[in-house]
Every structure is written in structure tokens, then in C-alpha cells.
Amino acid sequence: ILCYLDNDDAGRNALSRLRREFGDKVADKSALYPDHKDLNDYLMATQPKISNNPKLRL
């Protein structure tokens, strides 16, 4: 079970509960984004910005 949870108390508590329930089947993947709140925050910071206003060429 790969867990990409938030880097906050709620995320750590959820991970702890999952580990109690499922043991070694649980893998904490939040180390991939230690300086970010969550996976989405990390992805938004590392991906190029995409414009919402594409220019049409006629």
C-alpha cells in the first residue's frame, strides 16, 4: 500500500493507523516531497506552468 499522505499531523496519524492495521504492507511515500504540504503542492511546484488561455491560430 503506497501512501502519499500530507506532511502534517493528520497525514502522519493516518499513516500510523494504516501501519497498525496492515503492517509492512504500508509504504510511506511522503519522503518524495519533504518540503511540501502534500503531493499536489509538490507537483504544482515542479511542473511547468500550463496556460489556461490557448491562443488559436487561424
N, C-alpha and C. Protein backbone atom coordinates (compact mmCIF):
# COMPACT_ATOMS: atom_id res chain seq x y z
N ILE A 1 0.86 -1.16 0.00
CA ILE A 1 0.00 0.00 0.00
C ILE A 1 0.91 1.22 0.00
N LEU A 2 0.91 1.94 -1.10
CA LEU A 2 1.74 3.15 -1.22
C LEU A 2 0.95 4.34 -0.73
N CYS A 3 1.48 5.03 0.28
CA CYS A 3 0.76 6.15 0.90
C CYS A 3 1.45 7.47 0.55
N TYR A 4 0.74 8.31 -0.15
CA TYR A 4 1.20 9.65 -0.50
C TYR A 4 0.36 10.63 0.30
N LEU A 5 0.55 10.65 1.61
CA LEU A 5 -0.29 11.44 2.50
C LEU A 5 0.34 12.81 2.77
N ASP A 6 -0.45 13.70 3.35
CA ASP A 6 0.02 15.04 3.68
C ASP A 6 1.14 15.00 4.71
N ASN A 7 2.04 15.96 4.63
CA ASN A 7 3.12 16.12 5.60
C ASN A 7 2.63 16.97 6.77
N ASP A 8 1.64 16.50 7.47
CA ASP A 8 1.11 17.19 8.64
C ASP A 8 0.67 16.14 9.66
N ASP A 9 0.15 16.59 10.79
CA ASP A 9 -0.26 15.66 11.84
C ASP A 9 -1.31 14.67 11.35
N ALA A 10 -2.26 15.13 10.58
CA ALA A 10 -3.32 14.24 10.09
C ALA A 10 -2.74 13.15 9.18
N GLY A 11 -1.82 13.52 8.31
CA GLY A 11 -1.20 12.53 7.43
C GLY A 11 -0.37 11.52 8.20
N ARG A 12 0.39 11.99 9.19
CA ARG A 12 1.20 11.08 10.00
C ARG A 12 0.31 10.17 10.85
N ASN A 13 -0.79 10.70 11.37
CA ASN A 13 -1.71 9.87 12.15
C ASN A 13 -2.36 8.80 11.28
N ALA A 14 -2.75 9.18 10.07
CA ALA A 14 -3.36 8.21 9.15
C ALA A 14 -2.35 7.11 8.80
N LEU A 15 -1.11 7.49 8.55
CA LEU A 15 -0.07 6.52 8.24
C LEU A 15 0.13 5.56 9.41
N SER A 16 0.15 6.09 10.60
CA SER A 16 0.32 5.27 11.79
C SER A 16 -0.82 4.25 11.93
N ARG A 17 -2.04 4.70 11.71
CA ARG A 17 -3.19 3.78 11.79
C ARG A 17 -3.12 2.71 10.72
N LEU A 18 -2.72 3.09 9.50
CA LEU A 18 -2.59 2.12 8.42
C LEU A 18 -1.52 1.09 8.74
N ARG A 19 -0.41 1.54 9.31
CA ARG A 19 0.66 0.60 9.67
C ARG A 19 0.22 -0.36 10.77
N ARG A 20 -0.56 0.12 11.72
CA ARG A 20 -1.09 -0.77 12.76
C ARG A 20 -1.99 -1.83 12.14
N GLU A 21 -2.77 -1.42 11.17
CA GLU A 21 -3.73 -2.33 10.55
C GLU A 21 -3.08 -3.30 9.54
N PHE A 22 -2.14 -2.78 8.73
CA PHE A 22 -1.61 -3.57 7.62
C PHE A 22 -0.11 -3.88 7.72
N GLY A 23 0.56 -3.37 8.73
CA GLY A 23 1.97 -3.69 8.97
C GLY A 23 2.90 -3.27 7.85
N ASP A 24 3.77 -4.21 7.48
CA ASP A 24 4.82 -3.93 6.49
C ASP A 24 4.30 -3.75 5.07
N LYS A 25 3.03 -3.95 4.86
CA LYS A 25 2.46 -3.73 3.53
C LYS A 25 2.34 -2.25 3.19
N VAL A 26 2.49 -1.39 4.21
CA VAL A 26 2.33 0.06 4.04
C VAL A 26 3.68 0.72 3.81
N ALA A 27 3.78 1.52 2.75
CA ALA A 27 5.00 2.27 2.43
C ALA A 27 4.70 3.76 2.43
N ASP A 28 5.45 4.50 3.23
CA ASP A 28 5.30 5.96 3.31
C ASP A 28 6.07 6.60 2.17
N LYS A 29 5.37 7.23 1.25
CA LYS A 29 5.99 7.87 0.10
C LYS A 29 6.11 9.39 0.26
N SER A 30 5.74 9.94 1.41
CA SER A 30 5.80 11.38 1.60
C SER A 30 7.24 11.90 1.64
N ALA A 31 8.23 11.01 1.77
CA ALA A 31 9.63 11.43 1.73
C ALA A 31 10.01 11.98 0.35
N LEU A 32 9.19 11.69 -0.66
CA LEU A 32 9.44 12.22 -2.01
C LEU A 32 9.22 13.73 -2.08
N TYR A 33 8.46 14.27 -1.15
CA TYR A 33 8.13 15.70 -1.16
C TYR A 33 8.21 16.29 0.26
N PRO A 34 9.40 16.22 0.89
CA PRO A 34 9.54 16.63 2.29
C PRO A 34 9.33 18.12 2.54
N ASP A 35 9.59 18.95 1.55
CA ASP A 35 9.47 20.40 1.73
C ASP A 35 8.13 20.95 1.25
N HIS A 36 7.17 20.06 1.02
CA HIS A 36 5.87 20.46 0.52
C HIS A 36 4.77 19.91 1.41
N LYS A 37 3.63 20.58 1.39
CA LYS A 37 2.49 20.17 2.22
C LYS A 37 1.96 18.80 1.83
N ASP A 38 1.87 18.56 0.54
CA ASP A 38 1.32 17.30 0.04
C ASP A 38 1.83 17.05 -1.37
N LEU A 39 1.42 15.93 -1.94
CA LEU A 39 1.88 15.56 -3.28
C LEU A 39 1.45 16.59 -4.33
N ASN A 40 0.23 17.08 -4.24
CA ASN A 40 -0.24 18.07 -5.21
C ASN A 40 0.60 19.35 -5.14
N ASP A 41 0.91 19.81 -3.95
CA ASP A 41 1.73 21.01 -3.78
C ASP A 41 3.10 20.80 -4.43
N TYR A 42 3.67 19.62 -4.25
CA TYR A 42 4.96 19.28 -4.85
C TYR A 42 4.86 19.28 -6.38
N LEU A 43 3.83 18.63 -6.91
CA LEU A 43 3.67 18.57 -8.36
C LEU A 43 3.45 19.94 -8.97
N MET A 44 2.67 20.76 -8.30
CA MET A 44 2.42 22.13 -8.81
C MET A 44 3.72 22.94 -8.81
N ALA A 45 4.59 22.70 -7.84
CA ALA A 45 5.84 23.46 -7.75
C ALA A 45 6.89 22.98 -8.74
N THR A 46 6.81 21.74 -9.17
CA THR A 46 7.87 21.19 -10.02
C THR A 46 7.50 21.06 -11.49
N GLN A 47 6.24 21.21 -11.83
CA GLN A 47 5.82 21.07 -13.22
C GLN A 47 5.76 22.43 -13.89
N PRO A 48 6.04 22.48 -15.19
CA PRO A 48 5.93 23.76 -15.90
C PRO A 48 4.48 24.26 -15.89
N LYS A 49 4.36 25.55 -15.85
CA LYS A 49 3.04 26.16 -15.85
C LYS A 49 2.39 25.99 -17.22
N ILE A 50 1.12 25.65 -17.21
CA ILE A 50 0.36 25.49 -18.45
C ILE A 50 -0.68 26.59 -18.51
N SER A 51 -0.70 27.30 -19.60
CA SER A 51 -1.64 28.39 -19.76
C SER A 51 -3.06 27.86 -19.94
N ASN A 52 -4.01 28.54 -19.31
CA ASN A 52 -5.41 28.18 -19.48
C ASN A 52 -6.04 28.90 -20.67
N ASN A 53 -5.28 29.76 -21.32
CA ASN A 53 -5.79 30.54 -22.44
C ASN A 53 -4.98 30.23 -23.70
N PRO A 54 -5.26 29.08 -24.31
CA PRO A 54 -4.53 28.75 -25.53
C PRO A 54 -4.86 29.75 -26.65
N LYS A 55 -3.87 30.13 -27.38
CA LYS A 55 -4.09 31.07 -28.48
C LYS A 55 -4.40 30.29 -29.75
N LEU A 56 -5.50 30.65 -30.36
CA LEU A 56 -5.90 29.99 -31.59
C LEU A 56 -5.23 30.67 -32.78
N ARG A 57 -4.71 29.86 -33.68
CA ARG A 57 -4.12 30.40 -34.91
C ARG A 57 -5.02 30.02 -36.04
N LEU A 58 -5.44 30.98 -36.77
CA LEU A 58 -6.32 30.73 -37.92
C LEU A 58 -5.57 30.87 -39.21
